[in-house]
PDB file of N, CA and C in Angstrom:
ATOM      1  N   MET A   1     236.553 103.792 107.576  1.00  0.00           N
ATOM      2  CA  MET A   1     236.657 105.225 107.595  1.00  0.00           C
ATOM      3  C   MET A   1     236.687 105.776 109.006  1.00  0.00           C
ATOM      4  N   SER A   2     236.585 104.959 109.972  1.00  0.00           N
ATOM      5  CA  SER A   2     236.518 105.445 111.340  1.00  0.00           C
ATOM      6  C   SER A   2     237.820 106.057 111.830  1.00  0.00           C
ATOM      7  N   SER A   3     238.944 105.883 111.100  1.00  0.00           N
ATOM      8  CA  SER A   3     240.199 106.469 111.537  1.00  0.00           C
ATOM      9  C   SER A   3     240.288 107.963 111.235  1.00  0.00           C
ATOM     10  N   VAL A   4     239.349 108.504 110.477  1.00  0.00           N
ATOM     11  CA  VAL A   4     239.329 109.926 110.176  1.00  0.00           C
ATOM     12  C   VAL A   4     238.798 110.664 111.399  1.00  0.00           C
ATOM     13  N   LYS A   5     239.489 111.731 111.789  1.00  0.00           N
ATOM     14  CA  LYS A   5     239.056 112.508 112.948  1.00  0.00           C
ATOM     15  C   LYS A   5     237.719 113.175 112.663  1.00  0.00           C
ATOM     16  N   PRO A   6     236.786 113.112 113.616  1.00  0.00           N
ATOM     17  CA  PRO A   6     235.516 113.815 113.426  1.00  0.00           C
ATOM     18  C   PRO A   6     235.702 115.314 113.604  1.00  0.00           C
ATOM     19  N   SER A   7     234.795 116.081 113.032  1.00  0.00           N
ATOM     20  CA  SER A   7     234.809 117.532 113.197  1.00  0.00           C
ATOM     21  C   SER A   7     233.893 117.889 114.361  1.00  0.00           C
ATOM     22  N   ALA A   8     234.333 118.806 115.187  1.00  0.00           N
ATOM     23  CA  ALA A   8     233.555 119.210 116.348  1.00  0.00           C
ATOM     24  C   ALA A   8     232.667 120.389 116.003  1.00  0.00           C
ATOM     25  N   LEU A   9     231.387 120.243 116.244  1.00  0.00           N
ATOM     26  CA  LEU A   9     230.405 121.306 116.075  1.00  0.00           C
ATOM     27  C   LEU A   9     229.876 121.662 117.452  1.00  0.00           C
ATOM     28  N   ALA A  10     228.868 122.471 117.521  1.00  0.00           N
ATOM     29  CA  ALA A  10     228.309 122.861 118.817  1.00  0.00           C
ATOM     30  C   ALA A  10     227.506 121.703 119.396  1.00  0.00           C
ATOM     31  N   PRO A  11     227.961 121.141 120.516  1.00  0.00           N
ATOM     32  CA  PRO A  11     227.205 120.037 121.127  1.00  0.00           C
ATOM     33  C   PRO A  11     225.912 120.519 121.775  1.00  0.00           C
ATOM     34  N   THR A  12     224.952 119.621 121.859  1.00  0.00           N
ATOM     35  CA  THR A  12     223.692 119.882 122.553  1.00  0.00           C
ATOM     36  C   THR A  12     223.476 118.762 123.557  1.00  0.00           C
ATOM     37  N   GLU A  13     222.367 118.820 124.253  1.00  0.00           N
ATOM     38  CA  GLU A  13     222.068 117.762 125.225  1.00  0.00           C
ATOM     39  C   GLU A  13     221.907 116.410 124.538  1.00  0.00           C
ATOM     40  N   ASP A  14     221.356 116.411 123.309  1.00  0.00           N
ATOM     41  CA  ASP A  14     221.075 115.166 122.601  1.00  0.00           C
ATOM     42  C   ASP A  14     222.145 114.775 121.591  1.00  0.00           C
ATOM     43  N   ASP A  15     223.149 115.605 121.395  1.00  0.00           N
ATOM     44  CA  ASP A  15     224.139 115.367 120.346  1.00  0.00           C
ATOM     45  C   ASP A  15     225.515 115.772 120.855  1.00  0.00           C
ATOM     46  N   ASP A  16     226.511 114.928 120.630  1.00  0.00           N
ATOM     47  CA  ASP A  16     227.862 115.222 121.110  1.00  0.00           C
ATOM     48  C   ASP A  16     228.580 116.284 120.285  1.00  0.00           C
ATOM     49  N   GLY A  17     227.980 116.706 119.166  1.00  0.00           N
ATOM     50  CA  GLY A  17     228.563 117.755 118.349  1.00  0.00           C
ATOM     51  C   GLY A  17     229.627 117.280 117.388  1.00  0.00           C
ATOM     52  N   LEU A  18     229.880 115.977 117.335  1.00  0.00           N
ATOM     53  CA  LEU A  18     230.893 115.449 116.436  1.00  0.00           C
ATOM     54  C   LEU A  18     230.257 115.057 115.105  1.00  0.00           C
ATOM     55  N   LEU A  19     230.822 115.561 114.026  1.00  0.00           N
ATOM     56  CA  LEU A  19     230.377 115.240 112.682  1.00  0.00           C
ATOM     57  C   LEU A  19     231.384 114.259 112.097  1.00  0.00           C
ATOM     58  N   THR A  20     230.940 113.045 111.884  1.00  0.00           N
ATOM     59  CA  THR A  20     231.837 112.001 111.390  1.00  0.00           C
ATOM     60  C   THR A  20     231.576 111.721 109.914  1.00  0.00           C
ATOM     61  N   THR A  21     232.481 111.012 109.301  1.00  0.00           N
ATOM     62  CA  THR A  21     232.289 110.631 107.902  1.00  0.00           C
ATOM     63  C   THR A  21     231.031 109.784 107.755  1.00  0.00           C
ATOM     64  N   LYS A  22     230.752 108.955 108.727  1.00  0.00           N
ATOM     65  CA  LYS A  22     229.538 108.123 108.690  1.00  0.00           C
ATOM     66  C   LYS A  22     228.284 108.998 108.702  1.00  0.00           C
ATOM     67  N   ASP A  23     228.283 110.053 109.518  1.00  0.00           N
ATOM     68  CA  ASP A  23     227.147 110.986 109.559  1.00  0.00           C
ATOM     69  C   ASP A  23     226.934 111.637 108.199  1.00  0.00           C
ATOM     70  N   ILE A  24     228.028 112.090 107.591  1.00  0.00           N
ATOM     71  CA  ILE A  24     227.937 112.804 106.318  1.00  0.00           C
ATOM     72  C   ILE A  24     227.448 111.884 105.213  1.00  0.00           C
ATOM     73  N   ILE A  25     228.008 110.687 105.138  1.00  0.00           N
ATOM     74  CA  ILE A  25     227.627 109.735 104.086  1.00  0.00           C
ATOM     75  C   ILE A  25     226.143 109.395 104.151  1.00  0.00           C
ATOM     76  N   SER A  26     225.575 109.406 105.335  1.00  0.00           N
ATOM     77  CA  SER A  26     224.156 109.056 105.483  1.00  0.00           C
ATOM     78  C   SER A  26     223.220 110.160 104.998  1.00  0.00           C
ATOM     79  N   LEU A  27     223.760 111.340 104.729  1.00  0.00           N
ATOM     80  CA  LEU A  27     222.946 112.459 104.258  1.00  0.00           C
ATOM     81  C   LEU A  27     222.745 112.385 102.749  1.00  0.00           C
ATOM     82  N   LYS A  28     221.693 112.959 102.268  1.00  0.00           N
ATOM     83  CA  LYS A  28     221.479 113.152 100.837  1.00  0.00           C
ATOM     84  C   LYS A  28     221.460 114.658 100.617  1.00  0.00           C
ATOM     85  N   LEU A  29     222.586 115.199 100.227  1.00  0.00           N
ATOM     86  CA  LEU A  29     222.739 116.643 100.136  1.00  0.00           C
ATOM     87  C   LEU A  29     222.461 117.147  98.724  1.00  0.00           C
ATOM     88  N   ASN A  30     221.870 118.315  98.655  1.00  0.00           N
ATOM     89  CA  ASN A  30     221.576 118.957  97.381  1.00  0.00           C
ATOM     90  C   ASN A  30     222.291 120.307  97.363  1.00  0.00           C
ATOM     91  N   ALA A  31     223.593 120.254  97.118  1.00  0.00           N
ATOM     92  CA  ALA A  31     224.413 121.463  97.078  1.00  0.00           C
ATOM     93  C   ALA A  31     225.427 121.304  95.960  1.00  0.00           C
ATOM     94  N   GLU A  32     225.844 122.417  95.376  1.00  0.00           N
ATOM     95  CA  GLU A  32     226.845 122.383  94.317  1.00  0.00           C
ATOM     96  C   GLU A  32     228.263 122.358  94.874  1.00  0.00           C
ATOM     97  N   LEU A  33     228.437 122.862  96.094  1.00  0.00           N
ATOM     98  CA  LEU A  33     229.768 123.026  96.653  1.00  0.00           C
ATOM     99  C   LEU A  33     229.696 123.029  98.172  1.00  0.00           C
ATOM    100  N   VAL A  34     230.661 122.348  98.798  1.00  0.00           N
ATOM    101  CA  VAL A  34     230.874 122.448 100.240  1.00  0.00           C
ATOM    102  C   VAL A  34     232.266 123.024 100.424  1.00  0.00           C
ATOM    103  N   VAL A  35     232.380 124.047 101.261  1.00  0.00           N
ATOM    104  CA  VAL A  35     233.669 124.661 101.568  1.00  0.00           C
ATOM    105  C   VAL A  35     234.004 124.339 103.015  1.00  0.00           C
ATOM    106  N   LEU A  36     235.123 123.653 103.196  1.00  0.00           N
ATOM    107  CA  LEU A  36     235.625 123.314 104.526  1.00  0.00           C
ATOM    108  C   LEU A  36     236.901 124.132 104.726  1.00  0.00           C
ATOM    109  N   SER A  37     236.741 125.353 105.214  1.00  0.00           N
ATOM    110  CA  SER A  37     237.864 126.292 105.247  1.00  0.00           C
ATOM    111  C   SER A  37     238.685 126.223 106.526  1.00  0.00           C
ATOM    112  N   ALA A  38     238.439 125.246 107.368  1.00  0.00           N
ATOM    113  CA  ALA A  38     239.244 125.078 108.574  1.00  0.00           C
ATOM    114  C   ALA A  38     240.560 124.374 108.226  1.00  0.00           C
ATOM    115  N   CYS A  39     241.432 124.266 109.190  1.00  0.00           N
ATOM    116  CA  CYS A  39     242.740 123.650 108.972  1.00  0.00           C
ATOM    117  C   CYS A  39     242.636 122.155 108.684  1.00  0.00           C
ATOM    118  N   ASP A  40     243.450 121.690 107.753  1.00  0.00           N
ATOM    119  CA  ASP A  40     243.620 120.259 107.468  1.00  0.00           C
ATOM    120  C   ASP A  40     242.328 119.533 107.091  1.00  0.00           C
ATOM    121  N   THR A  41     241.371 120.199 106.507  1.00  0.00           N
ATOM    122  CA  THR A  41     240.103 119.539 106.181  1.00  0.00           C
ATOM    123  C   THR A  41     240.229 118.591 104.998  1.00  0.00           C
ATOM    124  N   GLY A  42     241.342 118.647 104.287  1.00  0.00           N
ATOM    125  CA  GLY A  42     241.565 117.730 103.182  1.00  0.00           C
ATOM    126  C   GLY A  42     242.319 116.482 103.589  1.00  0.00           C
ATOM    127  N   SER A  43     242.627 116.348 104.862  1.00  0.00           N
ATOM    128  CA  SER A  43     243.376 115.180 105.311  1.00  0.00           C
ATOM    129  C   SER A  43     242.427 114.015 105.552  1.00  0.00           C
ATOM    130  N   GLY A  44     243.005 112.867 105.688  1.00  0.00           N
ATOM    131  CA  GLY A  44     242.226 111.658 105.938  1.00  0.00           C
ATOM    132  C   GLY A  44     243.116 110.445 105.833  1.00  0.00           C
ATOM    133  N   LYS A  45     242.489 109.306 105.781  1.00  0.00           N
ATOM    134  CA  LYS A  45     243.213 108.046 105.689  1.00  0.00           C
ATOM    135  C   LYS A  45     243.599 107.795 104.231  1.00  0.00           C
ATOM    136  N   LEU A  46     244.865 107.472 104.002  1.00  0.00           N
ATOM    137  CA  LEU A  46     245.346 107.178 102.660  1.00  0.00           C
ATOM    138  C   LEU A  46     245.063 105.714 102.342  1.00  0.00           C
ATOM    139  N   SER A  47     244.412 105.480 101.207  1.00  0.00           N
ATOM    140  CA  SER A  47     244.109 104.111 100.775  1.00  0.00           C
ATOM    141  C   SER A  47     244.472 103.971  99.306  1.00  0.00           C
ATOM    142  N   GLY A  48     244.262 102.802  98.760  1.00  0.00           N
ATOM    143  CA  GLY A  48     244.496 102.578  97.341  1.00  0.00           C
ATOM    144  C   GLY A  48     243.590 103.416  96.467  1.00  0.00           C
ATOM    145  N   ASP A  49     242.490 103.905  97.018  1.00  0.00           N
ATOM    146  CA  ASP A  49     241.540 104.741  96.291  1.00  0.00           C
ATOM    147  C   ASP A  49     241.802 106.227  96.484  1.00  0.00           C
ATOM    148  N   GLY A  50     242.867 106.582  97.186  1.00  0.00           N
ATOM    149  CA  GLY A  50     243.161 107.978  97.459  1.00  0.00           C
ATOM    150  C   GLY A  50     242.908 108.306  98.916  1.00  0.00           C
ATOM    151  N   VAL A  51     242.701 109.566  99.199  1.00  0.00           N
ATOM    152  CA  VAL A  51     242.456 110.005 100.573  1.00  0.00           C
ATOM    153  C   VAL A  51     240.980 109.843 100.895  1.00  0.00           C
ATOM    154  N   ILE A  52     240.711 109.129 101.973  1.00  0.00           N
ATOM    155  CA  ILE A  52     239.332 108.956 102.428  1.00  0.00           C
ATOM    156  C   ILE A  52     239.155 109.854 103.645  1.00  0.00           C
ATOM    157  N   GLY A  53     238.322 110.861 103.513  1.00  0.00           N
ATOM    158  CA  GLY A  53     238.107 111.809 104.592  1.00  0.00           C
ATOM    159  C   GLY A  53     236.801 112.540 104.399  1.00  0.00           C
ATOM    160  N   LEU A  54     236.723 113.726 104.957  1.00  0.00           N
ATOM    161  CA  LEU A  54     235.486 114.498 104.880  1.00  0.00           C
ATOM    162  C   LEU A  54     235.099 114.819 103.444  1.00  0.00           C
ATOM    163  N   SER A  55     236.078 115.143 102.601  1.00  0.00           N
ATOM    164  CA  SER A  55     235.744 115.490 101.215  1.00  0.00           C
ATOM    165  C   SER A  55     235.099 114.317 100.498  1.00  0.00           C
ATOM    166  N   ARG A  56     235.645 113.128 100.641  1.00  0.00           N
ATOM    167  CA  ARG A  56     235.065 111.932 100.013  1.00  0.00           C
ATOM    168  C   ARG A  56     233.662 111.679 100.550  1.00  0.00           C
ATOM    169  N   SER A  57     233.464 111.937 101.814  1.00  0.00           N
ATOM    170  CA  SER A  57     232.142 111.732 102.429  1.00  0.00           C
ATOM    171  C   SER A  57     231.108 112.670 101.828  1.00  0.00           C
ATOM    172  N   PHE A  58     231.472 113.935 101.641  1.00  0.00           N
ATOM    173  CA  PHE A  58     230.528 114.881 101.049  1.00  0.00           C
ATOM    174  C   PHE A  58     230.213 114.531  99.597  1.00  0.00           C
ATOM    175  N   ILE A  59     231.203 114.071  98.862  1.00  0.00           N
ATOM    176  CA  ILE A  59     230.962 113.660  97.478  1.00  0.00           C
ATOM    177  C   ILE A  59     230.036 112.446  97.449  1.00  0.00           C
ATOM    178  N   THR A  60     230.235 111.506  98.345  1.00  0.00           N
ATOM    179  CA  THR A  60     229.351 110.341  98.448  1.00  0.00           C
ATOM    180  C   THR A  60     227.927 110.760  98.790  1.00  0.00           C
ATOM    181  N   ALA A  61     227.788 111.819  99.578  1.00  0.00           N
ATOM    182  CA  ALA A  61     226.466 112.309  99.981  1.00  0.00           C
ATOM    183  C   ALA A  61     225.789 113.134  98.889  1.00  0.00           C
ATOM    184  N   GLY A  62     226.450 113.311  97.733  1.00  0.00           N
ATOM    185  CA  GLY A  62     225.805 113.977  96.613  1.00  0.00           C
ATOM    186  C   GLY A  62     226.330 115.345  96.229  1.00  0.00           C
ATOM    187  N   VAL A  63     227.368 115.830  96.897  1.00  0.00           N
ATOM    188  CA  VAL A  63     227.931 117.140  96.576  1.00  0.00           C
ATOM    189  C   VAL A  63     229.037 116.935  95.537  1.00  0.00           C
ATOM    190  N   PRO A  64     228.954 117.580  94.384  1.00  0.00           N
ATOM    191  CA  PRO A  64     229.945 117.329  93.332  1.00  0.00           C
ATOM    192  C   PRO A  64     231.312 117.959  93.566  1.00  0.00           C
ATOM    193  N   SER A  65     231.409 118.971  94.433  1.00  0.00           N
ATOM    194  CA  SER A  65     232.677 119.683  94.632  1.00  0.00           C
ATOM    195  C   SER A  65     232.860 120.035  96.100  1.00  0.00           C
ATOM    196  N   VAL A  66     234.095 119.857  96.565  1.00  0.00           N
ATOM    197  CA  VAL A  66     234.436 120.196  97.947  1.00  0.00           C
ATOM    198  C   VAL A  66     235.749 120.971  97.931  1.00  0.00           C
ATOM    199  N   LEU A  67     235.770 122.102  98.607  1.00  0.00           N
ATOM    200  CA  LEU A  67     236.977 122.913  98.737  1.00  0.00           C
ATOM    201  C   LEU A  67     237.540 122.675 100.133  1.00  0.00           C
ATOM    202  N   VAL A  68     238.801 122.235 100.205  1.00  0.00           N
ATOM    203  CA  VAL A  68     239.410 121.866 101.483  1.00  0.00           C
ATOM    204  C   VAL A  68     240.796 122.471 101.605  1.00  0.00           C
ATOM    205  N   SER A  69     241.323 122.447 102.837  1.00  0.00           N
ATOM    206  CA  SER A  69     242.703 122.879 103.064  1.00  0.00           C
ATOM    207  C   SER A  69     243.564 121.647 103.341  1.00  0.00           C
ATOM    208  N   LEU A  70     244.786 121.692 102.844  1.00  0.00           N
ATOM    209  CA  LEU A  70     245.696 120.557 102.985  1.00  0.00           C
ATOM    210  C   LEU A  70     246.643 120.704 104.169  1.00  0.00           C
ATOM    211  N   TRP A  71     246.689 121.884 104.774  1.00  0.00           N
ATOM    212  CA  TRP A  71     247.509 122.106 105.954  1.00  0.00           C
ATOM    213  C   TRP A  71     246.875 123.201 106.795  1.00  0.00           C
ATOM    214  N   GLN A  72     247.541 123.552 107.892  1.00  0.00           N
ATOM    215  CA  GLN A  72     247.003 124.579 108.781  1.00  0.00           C
ATOM    216  C   GLN A  72     247.092 125.937 108.098  1.00  0.00           C
ATOM    217  N   VAL A  73     245.989 126.652 108.137  1.00  0.00           N
ATOM    218  CA  VAL A  73     245.883 127.950 107.476  1.00  0.00           C
ATOM    219  C   VAL A  73     245.349 128.978 108.482  1.00  0.00           C
ATOM    220  N   PRO A  74     245.985 130.149 108.564  1.00  0.00           N
ATOM    221  CA  PRO A  74     245.534 131.174 109.502  1.00  0.00           C
ATOM    222  C   PRO A  74     244.216 131.820 109.070  1.00  0.00           C
ATOM    223  N   ASP A  75     243.460 132.274 110.032  1.00  0.00           N
ATOM    224  CA  ASP A  75     242.130 132.838 109.782  1.00  0.00           C
ATOM    225  C   ASP A  75     242.149 134.037 108.840  1.00  0.00           C
ATOM    226  N   ASN A  76     243.059 134.987 109.045  1.00  0.00           N
ATOM    227  CA  ASN A  76     243.045 136.215 108.234  1.00  0.00           C
ATOM    228  C   ASN A  76     243.278 135.936 106.758  1.00  0.00           C
ATOM    229  N   GLU A  77     244.284 135.139 106.439  1.00  0.00           N
ATOM    230  CA  GLU A  77     244.570 134.833 105.043  1.00  0.00           C
ATOM    231  C   GLU A  77     243.475 133.965 104.435  1.00  0.00           C
ATOM    232  N   THR A  78     242.925 133.053 105.239  1.00  0.00           N
ATOM    233  CA  THR A  78     241.812 132.228 104.763  1.00  0.00           C
ATOM    234  C   THR A  78     240.619 133.113 104.426  1.00  0.00           C
ATOM    235  N   ALA A  79     240.311 134.059 105.295  1.00  0.00           N
ATOM    236  CA  ALA A  79     239.187 134.966 105.042  1.00  0.00           C
ATOM    237  C   ALA A  79     239.423 135.773 103.768  1.00  0.00           C
ATOM    238  N   THR A  80     240.630 136.274 103.585  1.00  0.00           N
ATOM    239  CA  THR A  80     240.953 137.045 102.381  1.00  0.00           C
ATOM    240  C   THR A  80     240.734 136.202 101.131  1.00  0.00           C
ATOM    241  N   LEU A  81     241.233 134.978 101.140  1.00  0.00           N
ATOM    242  CA  LEU A  81     241.086 134.088  99.988  1.00  0.00           C
ATOM    243  C   LEU A  81     239.626 133.729  99.751  1.00  0.00           C
ATOM    244  N   MET A  82     238.900 133.394 100.808  1.00  0.00           N
ATOM    245  CA  MET A  82     237.502 132.967 100.662  1.00  0.00           C
ATOM    246  C   MET A  82     236.610 134.107 100.166  1.00  0.00           C
ATOM    247  N   ILE A  83     236.847 135.312 100.647  1.00  0.00           N
ATOM    248  CA  ILE A  83     236.056 136.459 100.181  1.00  0.00           C
ATOM    249  C   ILE A  83     236.250 136.637  98.681  1.00  0.00           C
ATOM    250  N   GLU A  84     237.483 136.555  98.238  1.00  0.00           N
ATOM    251  CA  GLU A  84     237.768 136.708  96.808  1.00  0.00           C
ATOM    252  C   GLU A  84     237.190 135.535  96.003  1.00  0.00           C
ATOM    253  N   PHE A  85     237.301 134.326  96.530  1.00  0.00           N
ATOM    254  CA  PHE A  85     236.752 133.142  95.859  1.00  0.00           C
ATOM    255  C   PHE A  85     235.239 133.286  95.671  1.00  0.00           C
ATOM    256  N   TYR A  86     234.527 133.634  96.733  1.00  0.00           N
ATOM    257  CA  TYR A  86     233.071 133.794  96.639  1.00  0.00           C
ATOM    258  C   TYR A  86     232.693 134.951  95.712  1.00  0.00           C
ATOM    259  N   HIS A  87     233.460 136.013  95.747  1.00  0.00           N
ATOM    260  CA  HIS A  87     233.215 137.138  94.841  1.00  0.00           C
ATOM    261  C   HIS A  87     233.337 136.662  93.394  1.00  0.00           C
ATOM    262  N   ASN A  88     234.369 135.903  93.101  1.00  0.00           N
ATOM    263  CA  ASN A  88     234.566 135.376  91.747  1.00  0.00           C
ATOM    264  C   ASN A  88     233.417 134.454  91.332  1.00  0.00           C
ATOM    265  N   LEU A  89     232.964 133.611  92.232  1.00  0.00           N
ATOM    266  CA  LEU A  89     231.839 132.724  91.926  1.00  0.00           C
ATOM    267  C   LEU A  89     230.558 133.511  91.686  1.00  0.00           C
ATOM    268  N   GLU A  90     230.348 134.526  92.514  1.00  0.00           N
ATOM    269  CA  GLU A  90     229.126 135.328  92.440  1.00  0.00           C
ATOM    270  C   GLU A  90     228.991 136.056  91.103  1.00  0.00           C
ATOM    271  N   GLU A  91     230.112 136.440  90.525  1.00  0.00           N
ATOM    272  CA  GLU A  91     230.070 137.118  89.233  1.00  0.00           C
ATOM    273  C   GLU A  91     229.535 136.211  88.134  1.00  0.00           C
ATOM    274  N   GLY A  92     229.669 134.887  88.312  1.00  0.00           N
ATOM    275  CA  GLY A  92     229.062 133.929  87.406  1.00  0.00           C
ATOM    276  C   GLY A  92     229.801 133.626  86.123  1.00  0.00           C
ATOM    277  N   GLU A  93     230.967 134.191  85.919  1.00  0.00           N
ATOM    278  CA  GLU A  93     231.697 133.955  84.674  1.00  0.00           C
ATOM    279  C   GLU A  93     232.711 132.829  84.775  1.00  0.00           C
ATOM    280  N   LEU A  94     233.109 132.475  85.986  1.00  0.00           N
ATOM    281  CA  LEU A  94     234.148 131.468  86.195  1.00  0.00           C
ATOM    282  C   LEU A  94     233.559 130.211  86.825  1.00  0.00           C
ATOM    283  N   ASP A  95     234.146 129.059  86.487  1.00  0.00           N
ATOM    284  CA  ASP A  95     233.743 127.853  87.202  1.00  0.00           C
ATOM    285  C   ASP A  95     234.460 127.845  88.559  1.00  0.00           C
ATOM    286  N   LYS A  96     234.212 126.830  89.372  1.00  0.00           N
ATOM    287  CA  LYS A  96     234.753 126.810  90.733  1.00  0.00           C
ATOM    288  C   LYS A  96     236.282 126.786  90.753  1.00  0.00           C
ATOM    289  N   ALA A  97     236.885 125.994  89.876  1.00  0.00           N
ATOM    290  CA  ALA A  97     238.354 125.920  89.829  1.00  0.00           C
ATOM    291  C   ALA A  97     238.953 127.243  89.367  1.00  0.00           C
ATOM    292  N   GLN A  98     238.349 127.852  88.360  1.00  0.00           N
ATOM    293  CA  GLN A  98     238.842 129.148  87.877  1.00  0.00           C
ATOM    294  C   GLN A  98     238.663 130.223  88.941  1.00  0.00           C
ATOM    295  N   ALA A  99     237.556 130.190  89.664  1.00  0.00           N
ATOM    296  CA  ALA A  99     237.312 131.171  90.724  1.00  0.00           C
ATOM    297  C   ALA A  99     238.360 131.047  91.823  1.00  0.00           C
ATOM    298  N   LEU A 100     238.724 129.819  92.178  1.00  0.00           N
ATOM    299  CA  LEU A 100     239.759 129.614  93.189  1.00  0.00           C
ATOM    300  C   LEU A 100     241.111 130.083  92.661  1.00  0.00           C
ATOM    301  N   ARG A 101     241.427 129.736  91.426  1.00  0.00           N
ATOM    302  CA  ARG A 101     242.709 130.144  90.837  1.00  0.00           C
ATOM    303  C   ARG A 101     242.831 131.663  90.793  1.00  0.00           C
ATOM    304  N   GLN A 102     241.793 132.343  90.346  1.00  0.00           N
ATOM    305  CA  GLN A 102     241.841 133.805  90.272  1.00  0.00           C
ATOM    306  C   GLN A 102     241.961 134.417  91.667  1.00  0.00           C
ATOM    307  N   ALA A 103     241.284 133.825  92.655  1.00  0.00           N
ATOM    308  CA  ALA A 103     241.405 134.322  94.029  1.00  0.00           C
ATOM    309  C   ALA A 103     242.837 134.153  94.525  1.00  0.00           C
ATOM    310  N   MET A 104     243.440 133.013  94.215  1.00  0.00           N
ATOM    311  CA  MET A 104     244.822 132.776  94.638  1.00  0.00           C
ATOM    312  C   MET A 104     245.785 133.745  93.960  1.00  0.00           C
ATOM    313  N   LEU A 105     245.571 134.011  92.688  1.00  0.00           N
ATOM    314  CA  LEU A 105     246.438 134.959  91.980  1.00  0.00           C
ATOM    315  C   LEU A 105     246.323 136.361  92.574  1.00  0.00           C
ATOM    316  N   LYS A 106     245.113 136.760  92.934  1.00  0.00           N
ATOM    317  CA  LYS A 106     244.936 138.088  93.524  1.00  0.00           C
ATOM    318  C   LYS A 106     245.614 138.171  94.892  1.00  0.00           C
ATOM    319  N   VAL A 107     245.438 137.135  95.711  1.00  0.00           N
ATOM    320  CA  VAL A 107     246.063 137.130  97.030  1.00  0.00           C
ATOM    321  C   VAL A 107     247.586 137.124  96.887  1.00  0.00           C
ATOM    322  N   LEU A 108     248.101 136.414  95.900  1.00  0.00           N
ATOM    323  CA  LEU A 108     249.540 136.409  95.644  1.00  0.00           C
ATOM    324  C   LEU A 108     250.033 137.799  95.251  1.00  0.00           C
ATOM    325  N   ARG A 109     249.288 138.485  94.377  1.00  0.00           N
ATOM    326  CA  ARG A 109     249.660 139.843  93.968  1.00  0.00           C
ATOM    327  C   ARG A 109     249.646 140.812  95.151  1.00  0.00           C
ATOM    328  N   GLU A 110     248.795 140.537  96.140  1.00  0.00           N
ATOM    329  CA  GLU A 110     248.725 141.388  97.328  1.00  0.00           C
ATOM    330  C   GLU A 110     249.848 141.079  98.323  1.00  0.00           C
ATOM    331  N   LYS A 111     250.766 140.210  97.915  1.00  0.00           N
ATOM    332  CA  LYS A 111     251.969 139.886  98.692  1.00  0.00           C
ATOM    333  C   LYS A 111     251.712 139.059  99.947  1.00  0.00           C
ATOM    334  N   HIS A 112     250.624 138.306  99.971  1.00  0.00           N
ATOM    335  CA  HIS A 112     250.414 137.387 101.087  1.00  0.00           C
ATOM    336  C   HIS A 112     251.290 136.156 100.871  1.00  0.00           C
ATOM    337  N   ASP A 113     251.941 135.693 101.902  1.00  0.00           N
ATOM    338  CA  ASP A 113     252.830 134.543 101.827  1.00  0.00           C
ATOM    339  C   ASP A 113     252.026 133.289 101.434  1.00  0.00           C
ATOM    340  N   PRO A 114     252.387 132.627 100.334  1.00  0.00           N
ATOM    341  CA  PRO A 114     251.615 131.469  99.867  1.00  0.00           C
ATOM    342  C   PRO A 114     251.449 130.351 100.892  1.00  0.00           C
ATOM    343  N   LYS A 115     252.414 130.142 101.772  1.00  0.00           N
ATOM    344  CA  LYS A 115     252.250 129.057 102.745  1.00  0.00           C
ATOM    345  C   LYS A 115     251.079 129.319 103.700  1.00  0.00           C
ATOM    346  N   LEU A 116     250.597 130.564 103.726  1.00  0.00           N
ATOM    347  CA  LEU A 116     249.484 130.917 104.597  1.00  0.00           C
ATOM    348  C   LEU A 116     248.112 130.722 103.950  1.00  0.00           C
ATOM    349  N   TRP A 117     248.056 130.523 102.618  1.00  0.00           N
ATOM    350  CA  TRP A 117     246.753 130.420 101.944  1.00  0.00           C
ATOM    351  C   TRP A 117     246.721 129.402 100.808  1.00  0.00           C
ATOM    352  N   ALA A 118     247.872 128.952 100.335  1.00  0.00           N
ATOM    353  CA  ALA A 118     247.917 128.087  99.145  1.00  0.00           C
ATOM    354  C   ALA A 118     247.564 126.630  99.423  1.00  0.00           C
ATOM    355  N   GLY A 119     247.199 126.311 100.637  1.00  0.00           N
ATOM    356  CA  GLY A 119     246.847 124.938 100.981  1.00  0.00           C
ATOM    357  C   GLY A 119     245.459 124.526 100.554  1.00  0.00           C
ATOM    358  N   PHE A 120     244.719 125.409  99.917  1.00  0.00           N
ATOM    359  CA  PHE A 120     243.355 125.079  99.512  1.00  0.00           C
ATOM    360  C   PHE A 120     243.334 124.420  98.148  1.00  0.00           C
ATOM    361  N   THR A 121     242.486 123.413  98.019  1.00  0.00           N
ATOM    362  CA  THR A 121     242.337 122.712  96.748  1.00  0.00           C
ATOM    363  C   THR A 121     240.875 122.319  96.554  1.00  0.00           C
ATOM    364  N   LEU A 122     240.483 122.288  95.304  1.00  0.00           N
ATOM    365  CA  LEU A 122     239.117 121.883  94.950  1.00  0.00           C
ATOM    366  C   LEU A 122     239.143 120.415  94.577  1.00  0.00           C
ATOM    367  N   ILE A 123     238.266 119.647  95.170  1.00  0.00           N
ATOM    368  CA  ILE A 123     238.138 118.226  94.881  1.00  0.00           C
ATOM    369  C   ILE A 123     236.795 118.011  94.195  1.00  0.00           C
ATOM    370  N   GLY A 124     236.800 117.274  93.106  1.00  0.00           N
ATOM    371  CA  GLY A 124     235.548 116.971  92.410  1.00  0.00           C
ATOM    372  C   GLY A 124     235.402 117.798  91.147  1.00  0.00           C
ATOM    373  N   GLU A 125     234.160 118.134  90.822  1.00  0.00           N
ATOM    374  CA  GLU A 125     233.853 118.844  89.583  1.00  0.00           C
ATOM    375  C   GLU A 125     234.152 120.336  89.702  1.00  0.00           C
ATOM    376  N   ALA A 126     234.669 120.882  88.603  1.00  0.00           N
ATOM    377  CA  ALA A 126     234.949 122.323  88.569  1.00  0.00           C
ATOM    378  C   ALA A 126     233.754 123.122  88.074  1.00  0.00           C
ATOM    379  N   GLU A 127     232.926 122.500  87.235  1.00  0.00           N
ATOM    380  CA  GLU A 127     231.818 123.227  86.610  1.00  0.00           C
ATOM    381  C   GLU A 127     230.830 123.713  87.652  1.00  0.00           C
ATOM    382  N   ARG A 128     230.090 124.723  87.273  1.00  0.00           N
ATOM    383  CA  ARG A 128     229.052 125.285  88.140  1.00  0.00           C
ATOM    384  C   ARG A 128     227.824 124.441  88.064  1.00  0.00           C
TER     385      ARG A 128
END
């Protein structure tokens, strides 16, 4: 898994700020969902088991669902989609996949170009 690019966080004197798949796998996380809304967060090394990257690492660490982007996405459209996605989740009537779908439909109705926001996908369980 070392061929996957690490994510850069804020470095400190004791830490280089790089979050690697190895770092994530070593964690035992207690969360229902991880959202990686930066560009290309769904990319990784292609293997016979599928794409091995940050999303697979979070699932291995105990998170049942990861929301990632499959290509470069601009900040404004990402923010619009994420606000609607979280709003849909907060209402409590939709599962994670339905909340993302409804957010995408709303952003589409608002005439945002799909190539700017449609790169997001949910990996793992849809249920809450």
